[in-house]
Amino acid sequence: MKIAKTAAIAILLLFFAILFAGGGHGTYIPAQIIYPYSMILAKLQSEIDFFAFFLALIEIPVYGYFVFNKPNWKLYILGIHMIAVLVSFFLKSEVFN
């Protein structure tokens, strides 16, 4: 049941990130913060493909799984996520600013 809740949260956050992206005319900052792995892939490929979208869908539920089943890993997960966010911000792309 906890995974279902995190999946629902992931879908809402994905909607939020897409809304702010505005079809390419908005900002990708929320997507870079919430889904850094997908944005790293998107910047490297200059497009958001199916795998990056799929990764965005499963990222938050995977985090939820580890937080609920391995509570001692919370800081590791947060640290890894923050490093990915920094990489996402510092990685330059012509398409995604």
PDB file of N, CA and C in Angstrom:
ATOM      1  N   MET A   1       0.822  -1.203   0.000  1.00  0.00           N
ATOM      2  CA  MET A   1       0.000   0.000   0.000  1.00  0.00           C
ATOM      3  C   MET A   1       0.864   1.265   0.000  1.00  0.00           C
ATOM      4  N   LYS A   2       2.007   1.209   0.694  1.00  0.00           N
ATOM      5  CA  LYS A   2       2.889   2.369   0.734  1.00  0.00           C
ATOM      6  C   LYS A   2       3.476   2.660  -0.643  1.00  0.00           C
ATOM      7  N   ILE A   3       3.761   1.603  -1.403  1.00  0.00           N
ATOM      8  CA  ILE A   3       4.297   1.797  -2.748  1.00  0.00           C
ATOM      9  C   ILE A   3       3.235   2.446  -3.635  1.00  0.00           C
ATOM     10  N   ALA A   4       1.970   2.073  -3.456  1.00  0.00           N
ATOM     11  CA  ALA A   4       0.894   2.681  -4.238  1.00  0.00           C
ATOM     12  C   ALA A   4       0.782   4.175  -3.930  1.00  0.00           C
ATOM     13  N   LYS A   5       0.960   4.539  -2.665  1.00  0.00           N
ATOM     14  CA  LYS A   5       0.914   5.954  -2.297  1.00  0.00           C
ATOM     15  C   LYS A   5       2.073   6.712  -2.920  1.00  0.00           C
ATOM     16  N   THR A   6       3.260   6.119  -2.888  1.00  0.00           N
ATOM     17  CA  THR A   6       4.399   6.806  -3.492  1.00  0.00           C
ATOM     18  C   THR A   6       4.262   6.867  -5.017  1.00  0.00           C
ATOM     19  N   ALA A   7       3.619   5.879  -5.616  1.00  0.00           N
ATOM     20  CA  ALA A   7       3.374   5.919  -7.058  1.00  0.00           C
ATOM     21  C   ALA A   7       2.414   7.064  -7.393  1.00  0.00           C
ATOM     22  N   ALA A   8       1.398   7.260  -6.567  1.00  0.00           N
ATOM     23  CA  ALA A   8       0.461   8.370  -6.778  1.00  0.00           C
ATOM     24  C   ALA A   8       1.178   9.707  -6.614  1.00  0.00           C
ATOM     25  N   ILE A   9       2.052   9.799  -5.628  1.00  0.00           N
ATOM     26  CA  ILE A   9       2.839  11.018  -5.429  1.00  0.00           C
ATOM     27  C   ILE A   9       3.744  11.256  -6.633  1.00  0.00           C
ATOM     28  N   ALA A  10       4.338  10.183  -7.161  1.00  0.00           N
ATOM     29  CA  ALA A  10       5.217  10.305  -8.327  1.00  0.00           C
ATOM     30  C   ALA A  10       4.461  10.851  -9.529  1.00  0.00           C
ATOM     31  N   ILE A  11       3.255  10.392  -9.737  1.00  0.00           N
ATOM     32  CA  ILE A  11       2.452  10.864 -10.869  1.00  0.00           C
ATOM     33  C   ILE A  11       2.084  12.336 -10.691  1.00  0.00           C
ATOM     34  N   LEU A  12       1.732  12.725  -9.469  1.00  0.00           N
ATOM     35  CA  LEU A  12       1.418  14.135  -9.212  1.00  0.00           C
ATOM     36  C   LEU A  12       2.644  15.020  -9.407  1.00  0.00           C
ATOM     37  N   LEU A  13       3.798  14.565  -8.924  1.00  0.00           N
ATOM     38  CA  LEU A  13       5.027  15.343  -9.106  1.00  0.00           C
ATOM     39  C   LEU A  13       5.422  15.425 -10.579  1.00  0.00           C
ATOM     40  N   LEU A  14       5.199  14.339 -11.317  1.00  0.00           N
ATOM     41  CA  LEU A  14       5.500  14.346 -12.745  1.00  0.00           C
ATOM     42  C   LEU A  14       4.593  15.336 -13.471  1.00  0.00           C
ATOM     43  N   PHE A  15       3.328  15.363 -13.116  1.00  0.00           N
ATOM     44  CA  PHE A  15       2.394  16.332 -13.692  1.00  0.00           C
ATOM     45  C   PHE A  15       2.853  17.755 -13.387  1.00  0.00           C
ATOM     46  N   PHE A  16       3.280  17.996 -12.151  1.00  0.00           N
ATOM     47  CA  PHE A  16       3.781  19.294 -11.721  1.00  0.00           C
ATOM     48  C   PHE A  16       4.997  19.699 -12.549  1.00  0.00           C
ATOM     49  N   ALA A  17       5.935  18.786 -12.739  1.00  0.00           N
ATOM     50  CA  ALA A  17       7.147  19.080 -13.508  1.00  0.00           C
ATOM     51  C   ALA A  17       6.820  19.358 -14.976  1.00  0.00           C
ATOM     52  N   ILE A  18       5.904  18.586 -15.548  1.00  0.00           N
ATOM     53  CA  ILE A  18       5.501  18.790 -16.948  1.00  0.00           C
ATOM     54  C   ILE A  18       4.774  20.124 -17.099  1.00  0.00           C
ATOM     55  N   LEU A  19       3.952  20.457 -16.121  1.00  0.00           N
ATOM     56  CA  LEU A  19       3.231  21.727 -16.153  1.00  0.00           C
ATOM     57  C   LEU A  19       4.207  22.905 -16.169  1.00  0.00           C
ATOM     58  N   PHE A  20       5.236  22.840 -15.336  1.00  0.00           N
ATOM     59  CA  PHE A  20       6.215  23.919 -15.308  1.00  0.00           C
ATOM     60  C   PHE A  20       7.082  23.946 -16.558  1.00  0.00           C
ATOM     61  N   ALA A  21       7.304  22.785 -17.183  1.00  0.00           N
ATOM     62  CA  ALA A  21       8.093  22.748 -18.418  1.00  0.00           C
ATOM     63  C   ALA A  21       7.344  23.431 -19.553  1.00  0.00           C
ATOM     64  N   GLY A  22       6.046  23.423 -19.490  1.00  0.00           N
ATOM     65  CA  GLY A  22       5.224  24.164 -20.444  1.00  0.00           C
ATOM     66  C   GLY A  22       5.458  23.798 -21.894  1.00  0.00           C
ATOM     67  N   GLY A  23       5.622  22.524 -22.184  1.00  0.00           N
ATOM     68  CA  GLY A  23       5.832  22.082 -23.563  1.00  0.00           C
ATOM     69  C   GLY A  23       7.132  22.599 -24.152  1.00  0.00           C
ATOM     70  N   GLY A  24       8.126  22.818 -23.302  1.00  0.00           N
ATOM     71  CA  GLY A  24       9.413  23.303 -23.778  1.00  0.00           C
ATOM     72  C   GLY A  24       9.565  24.816 -23.699  1.00  0.00           C
ATOM     73  N   HIS A  25       8.522  25.523 -23.291  1.00  0.00           N
ATOM     74  CA  HIS A  25       8.569  26.981 -23.237  1.00  0.00           C
ATOM     75  C   HIS A  25       8.631  27.498 -21.807  1.00  0.00           C
ATOM     76  N   GLY A  26       8.685  26.584 -20.850  1.00  0.00           N
ATOM     77  CA  GLY A  26       8.735  26.976 -19.449  1.00  0.00           C
ATOM     78  C   GLY A  26      10.109  26.715 -18.858  1.00  0.00           C
ATOM     79  N   THR A  27      10.113  26.267 -17.614  1.00  0.00           N
ATOM     80  CA  THR A  27      11.361  25.994 -16.919  1.00  0.00           C
ATOM     81  C   THR A  27      11.459  24.514 -16.561  1.00  0.00           C
ATOM     82  N   TYR A  28      12.655  23.990 -16.645  1.00  0.00           N
ATOM     83  CA  TYR A  28      12.892  22.591 -16.303  1.00  0.00           C
ATOM     84  C   TYR A  28      13.462  22.435 -14.894  1.00  0.00           C
ATOM     85  N   ILE A  29      13.515  23.508 -14.138  1.00  0.00           N
ATOM     86  CA  ILE A  29      14.091  23.454 -12.794  1.00  0.00           C
ATOM     87  C   ILE A  29      13.357  22.469 -11.890  1.00  0.00           C
ATOM     88  N   PRO A  30      12.006  22.467 -11.827  1.00  0.00           N
ATOM     89  CA  PRO A  30      11.348  21.456 -10.982  1.00  0.00           C
ATOM     90  C   PRO A  30      11.669  20.022 -11.421  1.00  0.00           C
ATOM     91  N   ALA A  31      11.747  19.787 -12.717  1.00  0.00           N
ATOM     92  CA  ALA A  31      12.081  18.452 -13.212  1.00  0.00           C
ATOM     93  C   ALA A  31      13.505  18.079 -12.823  1.00  0.00           C
ATOM     94  N   GLN A  32      14.414  19.034 -12.864  1.00  0.00           N
ATOM     95  CA  GLN A  32      15.795  18.755 -12.488  1.00  0.00           C
ATOM     96  C   GLN A  32      15.917  18.448 -11.002  1.00  0.00           C
ATOM     97  N   ILE A  33      15.086  19.058 -10.180  1.00  0.00           N
ATOM     98  CA  ILE A  33      15.131  18.817  -8.741  1.00  0.00           C
ATOM     99  C   ILE A  33      14.433  17.508  -8.386  1.00  0.00           C
ATOM    100  N   ILE A  34      13.269  17.260  -8.959  1.00  0.00           N
ATOM    101  CA  ILE A  34      12.482  16.075  -8.598  1.00  0.00           C
ATOM    102  C   ILE A  34      12.989  14.831  -9.310  1.00  0.00           C
ATOM    103  N   TYR A  35      13.338  14.950 -10.570  1.00  0.00           N
ATOM    104  CA  TYR A  35      13.747  13.806 -11.397  1.00  0.00           C
ATOM    105  C   TYR A  35      15.122  14.034 -12.027  1.00  0.00           C
ATOM    106  N   PRO A  36      16.165  14.106 -11.221  1.00  0.00           N
ATOM    107  CA  PRO A  36      17.474  14.438 -11.789  1.00  0.00           C
ATOM    108  C   PRO A  36      18.028  13.380 -12.737  1.00  0.00           C
ATOM    109  N   TYR A  37      17.765  12.107 -12.467  1.00  0.00           N
ATOM    110  CA  TYR A  37      18.303  11.051 -13.332  1.00  0.00           C
ATOM    111  C   TYR A  37      17.698  11.129 -14.738  1.00  0.00           C
ATOM    112  N   SER A  38      16.416  11.366 -14.808  1.00  0.00           N
ATOM    113  CA  SER A  38      15.754  11.510 -16.108  1.00  0.00           C
ATOM    114  C   SER A  38      16.266  12.743 -16.845  1.00  0.00           C
ATOM    115  N   MET A  39      16.498  13.821 -16.119  1.00  0.00           N
ATOM    116  CA  MET A  39      16.979  15.037 -16.767  1.00  0.00           C
ATOM    117  C   MET A  39      18.427  14.895 -17.207  1.00  0.00           C
ATOM    118  N   ILE A  40      19.232  14.139 -16.469  1.00  0.00           N
ATOM    119  CA  ILE A  40      20.602  13.874 -16.916  1.00  0.00           C
ATOM    120  C   ILE A  40      20.566  13.120 -18.238  1.00  0.00           C
ATOM    121  N   LEU A  41      19.737  12.084 -18.303  1.00  0.00           N
ATOM    122  CA  LEU A  41      19.598  11.334 -19.554  1.00  0.00           C
ATOM    123  C   LEU A  41      19.078  12.224 -20.678  1.00  0.00           C
ATOM    124  N   ALA A  42      18.094  13.050 -20.369  1.00  0.00           N
ATOM    125  CA  ALA A  42      17.520  13.930 -21.384  1.00  0.00           C
ATOM    126  C   ALA A  42      18.565  14.920 -21.904  1.00  0.00           C
ATOM    127  N   LYS A  43      19.384  15.444 -21.015  1.00  0.00           N
ATOM    128  CA  LYS A  43      20.418  16.382 -21.450  1.00  0.00           C
ATOM    129  C   LYS A  43      21.477  15.690 -22.292  1.00  0.00           C
ATOM    130  N   LEU A  44      21.823  14.471 -21.944  1.00  0.00           N
ATOM    131  CA  LEU A  44      22.821  13.744 -22.717  1.00  0.00           C
ATOM    132  C   LEU A  44      22.305  13.366 -24.106  1.00  0.00           C
ATOM    133  N   GLN A  45      20.990  13.097 -24.217  1.00  0.00           N
ATOM    134  CA  GLN A  45      20.403  12.674 -25.483  1.00  0.00           C
ATOM    135  C   GLN A  45      19.706  13.805 -26.230  1.00  0.00           C
ATOM    136  N   SER A  46      19.589  14.967 -25.607  1.00  0.00           N
ATOM    137  CA  SER A  46      18.892  16.138 -26.160  1.00  0.00           C
ATOM    138  C   SER A  46      17.409  15.882 -26.413  1.00  0.00           C
ATOM    139  N   GLU A  47      16.853  14.920 -25.711  1.00  0.00           N
ATOM    140  CA  GLU A  47      15.405  14.663 -25.782  1.00  0.00           C
ATOM    141  C   GLU A  47      14.980  13.817 -24.594  1.00  0.00           C
ATOM    142  N   ILE A  48      13.711  13.904 -24.269  1.00  0.00           N
ATOM    143  CA  ILE A  48      13.156  13.057 -23.216  1.00  0.00           C
ATOM    144  C   ILE A  48      12.533  11.862 -23.916  1.00  0.00           C
ATOM    145  N   ASP A  49      13.215  10.739 -23.860  1.00  0.00           N
ATOM    146  CA  ASP A  49      12.719   9.538 -24.536  1.00  0.00           C
ATOM    147  C   ASP A  49      11.913   8.679 -23.559  1.00  0.00           C
ATOM    148  N   PHE A  50      11.466   7.534 -24.036  1.00  0.00           N
ATOM    149  CA  PHE A  50      10.624   6.654 -23.217  1.00  0.00           C
ATOM    150  C   PHE A  50      11.349   6.200 -21.964  1.00  0.00           C
ATOM    151  N   PHE A  51      12.634   5.856 -22.074  1.00  0.00           N
ATOM    152  CA  PHE A  51      13.364   5.363 -20.910  1.00  0.00           C
ATOM    153  C   PHE A  51      13.481   6.435 -19.830  1.00  0.00           C
ATOM    154  N   ALA A  52      13.736   7.686 -20.220  1.00  0.00           N
ATOM    155  CA  ALA A  52      13.812   8.775 -19.246  1.00  0.00           C
ATOM    156  C   ALA A  52      12.452   8.996 -18.576  1.00  0.00           C
ATOM    157  N   PHE A  53      11.383   8.912 -19.351  1.00  0.00           N
ATOM    158  CA  PHE A  53      10.038   9.056 -18.788  1.00  0.00           C
ATOM    159  C   PHE A  53       9.729   7.896 -17.837  1.00  0.00           C
ATOM    160  N   PHE A  54      10.089   6.678 -18.231  1.00  0.00           N
ATOM    161  CA  PHE A  54       9.875   5.510 -17.384  1.00  0.00           C
ATOM    162  C   PHE A  54      10.684   5.630 -16.092  1.00  0.00           C
ATOM    163  N   LEU A  55      11.910   6.099 -16.198  1.00  0.00           N
ATOM    164  CA  LEU A  55      12.748   6.289 -15.028  1.00  0.00           C
ATOM    165  C   LEU A  55      12.120   7.300 -14.073  1.00  0.00           C
ATOM    166  N   ALA A  56      11.539   8.349 -14.623  1.00  0.00           N
ATOM    167  CA  ALA A  56      10.851   9.344 -13.793  1.00  0.00           C
ATOM    168  C   ALA A  56       9.652   8.724 -13.080  1.00  0.00           C
ATOM    169  N   LEU A  57       8.945   7.838 -13.751  1.00  0.00           N
ATOM    170  CA  LEU A  57       7.777   7.202 -13.124  1.00  0.00           C
ATOM    171  C   LEU A  57       8.155   6.287 -11.964  1.00  0.00           C
ATOM    172  N   ILE A  58       9.302   5.621 -12.058  1.00  0.00           N
ATOM    173  CA  ILE A  58       9.643   4.659 -11.008  1.00  0.00           C
ATOM    174  C   ILE A  58      10.580   5.217  -9.938  1.00  0.00           C
ATOM    175  N   GLU A  59      11.165   6.387 -10.165  1.00  0.00           N
ATOM    176  CA  GLU A  59      12.144   6.920  -9.218  1.00  0.00           C
ATOM    177  C   GLU A  59      11.566   7.121  -7.814  1.00  0.00           C
ATOM    178  N   ILE A  60      10.460   7.816  -7.695  1.00  0.00           N
ATOM    179  CA  ILE A  60       9.871   8.108  -6.389  1.00  0.00           C
ATOM    180  C   ILE A  60       9.378   6.827  -5.707  1.00  0.00           C
ATOM    181  N   PRO A  61       8.690   5.903  -6.397  1.00  0.00           N
ATOM    182  CA  PRO A  61       8.322   4.649  -5.727  1.00  0.00           C
ATOM    183  C   PRO A  61       9.537   3.828  -5.264  1.00  0.00           C
ATOM    184  N   VAL A  62      10.626   3.859  -6.026  1.00  0.00           N
ATOM    185  CA  VAL A  62      11.840   3.148  -5.587  1.00  0.00           C
ATOM    186  C   VAL A  62      12.391   3.811  -4.333  1.00  0.00           C
ATOM    187  N   TYR A  63      12.418   5.136  -4.317  1.00  0.00           N
ATOM    188  CA  TYR A  63      12.828   5.839  -3.099  1.00  0.00           C
ATOM    189  C   TYR A  63      11.927   5.439  -1.935  1.00  0.00           C
ATOM    190  N   GLY A  64      10.626   5.406  -2.166  1.00  0.00           N
ATOM    191  CA  GLY A  64       9.683   5.026  -1.120  1.00  0.00           C
ATOM    192  C   GLY A  64       9.928   3.620  -0.601  1.00  0.00           C
ATOM    193  N   TYR A  65      10.210   2.716  -1.514  1.00  0.00           N
ATOM    194  CA  TYR A  65      10.502   1.338  -1.113  1.00  0.00           C
ATOM    195  C   TYR A  65      11.687   1.288  -0.152  1.00  0.00           C
ATOM    196  N   PHE A  66      12.768   1.982  -0.525  1.00  0.00           N
ATOM    197  CA  PHE A  66      13.947   1.953   0.329  1.00  0.00           C
ATOM    198  C   PHE A  66      13.735   2.689   1.643  1.00  0.00           C
ATOM    199  N   VAL A  67      13.012   3.788   1.622  1.00  0.00           N
ATOM    200  CA  VAL A  67      12.769   4.539   2.856  1.00  0.00           C
ATOM    201  C   VAL A  67      11.908   3.734   3.818  1.00  0.00           C
ATOM    202  N   PHE A  68      10.899   3.030   3.296  1.00  0.00           N
ATOM    203  CA  PHE A  68      10.025   2.260   4.172  1.00  0.00           C
ATOM    204  C   PHE A  68      10.645   0.943   4.619  1.00  0.00           C
ATOM    205  N   ASN A  69      11.457   0.316   3.772  1.00  0.00           N
ATOM    206  CA  ASN A  69      12.024  -0.987   4.107  1.00  0.00           C
ATOM    207  C   ASN A  69      13.438  -0.926   4.672  1.00  0.00           C
ATOM    208  N   LYS A  70      14.142   0.139   4.419  1.00  0.00           N
ATOM    209  CA  LYS A  70      15.508   0.337   4.922  1.00  0.00           C
ATOM    210  C   LYS A  70      15.602   1.747   5.500  1.00  0.00           C
ATOM    211  N   PRO A  71      14.975   1.995   6.656  1.00  0.00           N
ATOM    212  CA  PRO A  71      14.921   3.368   7.185  1.00  0.00           C
ATOM    213  C   PRO A  71      16.290   3.989   7.445  1.00  0.00           C
ATOM    214  N   ASN A  72      17.301   3.179   7.666  1.00  0.00           N
ATOM    215  CA  ASN A  72      18.637   3.721   7.909  1.00  0.00           C
ATOM    216  C   ASN A  72      19.266   4.291   6.649  1.00  0.00           C
ATOM    217  N   TRP A  73      18.697   4.025   5.499  1.00  0.00           N
ATOM    218  CA  TRP A  73      19.248   4.467   4.219  1.00  0.00           C
ATOM    219  C   TRP A  73      18.746   5.848   3.812  1.00  0.00           C
ATOM    220  N   LYS A  74      17.906   6.486   4.610  1.00  0.00           N
ATOM    221  CA  LYS A  74      17.311   7.770   4.222  1.00  0.00           C
ATOM    222  C   LYS A  74      18.357   8.808   3.839  1.00  0.00           C
ATOM    223  N   LEU A  75      19.384   8.941   4.645  1.00  0.00           N
ATOM    224  CA  LEU A  75      20.401   9.951   4.364  1.00  0.00           C
ATOM    225  C   LEU A  75      21.230   9.593   3.141  1.00  0.00           C
ATOM    226  N   TYR A  76      21.478   8.297   2.919  1.00  0.00           N
ATOM    227  CA  TYR A  76      22.201   7.881   1.717  1.00  0.00           C
ATOM    228  C   TYR A  76      21.400   8.216   0.464  1.00  0.00           C
ATOM    229  N   ILE A  77      20.119   7.912   0.505  1.00  0.00           N
ATOM    230  CA  ILE A  77      19.248   8.193  -0.636  1.00  0.00           C
ATOM    231  C   ILE A  77      19.183   9.696  -0.896  1.00  0.00           C
ATOM    232  N   LEU A  78      19.033  10.472   0.178  1.00  0.00           N
ATOM    233  CA  LEU A  78      18.993  11.927   0.035  1.00  0.00           C
ATOM    234  C   LEU A  78      20.311  12.453  -0.533  1.00  0.00           C
ATOM    235  N   GLY A  79      21.431  11.941  -0.042  1.00  0.00           N
ATOM    236  CA  GLY A  79      22.736  12.376  -0.534  1.00  0.00           C
ATOM    237  C   GLY A  79      22.945  12.049  -2.000  1.00  0.00           C
ATOM    238  N   ILE A  80      22.591  10.837  -2.399  1.00  0.00           N
ATOM    239  CA  ILE A  80      22.725  10.427  -3.800  1.00  0.00           C
ATOM    240  C   ILE A  80      21.819  11.280  -4.693  1.00  0.00           C
ATOM    241  N   HIS A  81      20.609  11.547  -4.207  1.00  0.00           N
ATOM    242  CA  HIS A  81      19.676  12.374  -4.971  1.00  0.00           C
ATOM    243  C   HIS A  81      20.236  13.791  -5.137  1.00  0.00           C
ATOM    244  N   MET A  82      20.791  14.344  -4.066  1.00  0.00           N
ATOM    245  CA  MET A  82      21.318  15.711  -4.140  1.00  0.00           C
ATOM    246  C   MET A  82      22.521  15.790  -5.076  1.00  0.00           C
ATOM    247  N   ILE A  83      23.355  14.761  -5.083  1.00  0.00           N
ATOM    248  CA  ILE A  83      24.475  14.738  -6.033  1.00  0.00           C
ATOM    249  C   ILE A  83      23.947  14.701  -7.467  1.00  0.00           C
ATOM    250  N   ALA A  84      22.909  13.893  -7.701  1.00  0.00           N
ATOM    251  CA  ALA A  84      22.319  13.817  -9.037  1.00  0.00           C
ATOM    252  C   ALA A  84      21.694  15.154  -9.437  1.00  0.00           C
ATOM    253  N   VAL A  85      21.087  15.853  -8.483  1.00  0.00           N
ATOM    254  CA  VAL A  85      20.517  17.173  -8.771  1.00  0.00           C
ATOM    255  C   VAL A  85      21.625  18.139  -9.196  1.00  0.00           C
ATOM    256  N   LEU A  86      22.739  18.120  -8.474  1.00  0.00           N
ATOM    257  CA  LEU A  86      23.861  18.993  -8.835  1.00  0.00           C
ATOM    258  C   LEU A  86      24.398  18.664 -10.224  1.00  0.00           C
ATOM    259  N   VAL A  87      24.546  17.378 -10.523  1.00  0.00           N
ATOM    260  CA  VAL A  87      25.008  16.971 -11.852  1.00  0.00           C
ATOM    261  C   VAL A  87      24.022  17.452 -12.907  1.00  0.00           C
ATOM    262  N   SER A  88      22.745  17.311 -12.616  1.00  0.00           N
ATOM    263  CA  SER A  88      21.710  17.749 -13.562  1.00  0.00           C
ATOM    264  C   SER A  88      21.794  19.254 -13.826  1.00  0.00           C
ATOM    265  N   PHE A  89      22.070  20.037 -12.786  1.00  0.00           N
ATOM    266  CA  PHE A  89      22.168  21.490 -12.970  1.00  0.00           C
ATOM    267  C   PHE A  89      23.441  21.896 -13.692  1.00  0.00           C
ATOM    268  N   PHE A  90      24.533  21.214 -13.422  1.00  0.00           N
ATOM    269  CA  PHE A  90      25.804  21.614 -14.016  1.00  0.00           C
ATOM    270  C   PHE A  90      26.022  21.038 -15.417  1.00  0.00           C
ATOM    271  N   LEU A  91      25.260  20.041 -15.795  1.00  0.00           N
ATOM    272  CA  LEU A  91      25.382  19.460 -17.124  1.00  0.00           C
ATOM    273  C   LEU A  91      24.691  20.400 -18.119  1.00  0.00           C
ATOM    274  N   LYS A  92      25.428  20.867 -19.074  1.00  0.00           N
ATOM    275  CA  LYS A  92      24.890  21.833 -20.034  1.00  0.00           C
ATOM    276  C   LYS A  92      24.252  21.148 -21.222  1.00  0.00           C
ATOM    277  N   SER A  93      23.191  21.759 -21.730  1.00  0.00           N
ATOM    278  CA  SER A  93      22.479  21.239 -22.881  1.00  0.00           C
ATOM    279  C   SER A  93      21.904  22.404 -23.676  1.00  0.00           C
ATOM    280  N   GLU A  94      21.859  22.241 -24.986  1.00  0.00           N
ATOM    281  CA  GLU A  94      21.260  23.260 -25.849  1.00  0.00           C
ATOM    282  C   GLU A  94      19.734  23.246 -25.740  1.00  0.00           C
ATOM    283  N   VAL A  95      19.180  22.084 -25.442  1.00  0.00           N
ATOM    284  CA  VAL A  95      17.730  21.915 -25.434  1.00  0.00           C
ATOM    285  C   VAL A  95      17.133  22.221 -24.071  1.00  0.00           C
ATOM    286  N   PHE A  96      17.740  21.703 -23.007  1.00  0.00           N
ATOM    287  CA  PHE A  96      17.205  21.841 -21.650  1.00  0.00           C
ATOM    288  C   PHE A  96      18.077  22.771 -20.842  1.00  0.00           C
ATOM    289  N   ASN A  97      17.540  23.957 -20.513  1.00  0.00           N
ATOM    290  CA  ASN A  97      18.302  24.927 -19.732  1.00  0.00           C
ATOM    291  C   ASN A  97      17.860  24.910 -18.300  1.00  0.00           C
TER     292      ASN A  97
END
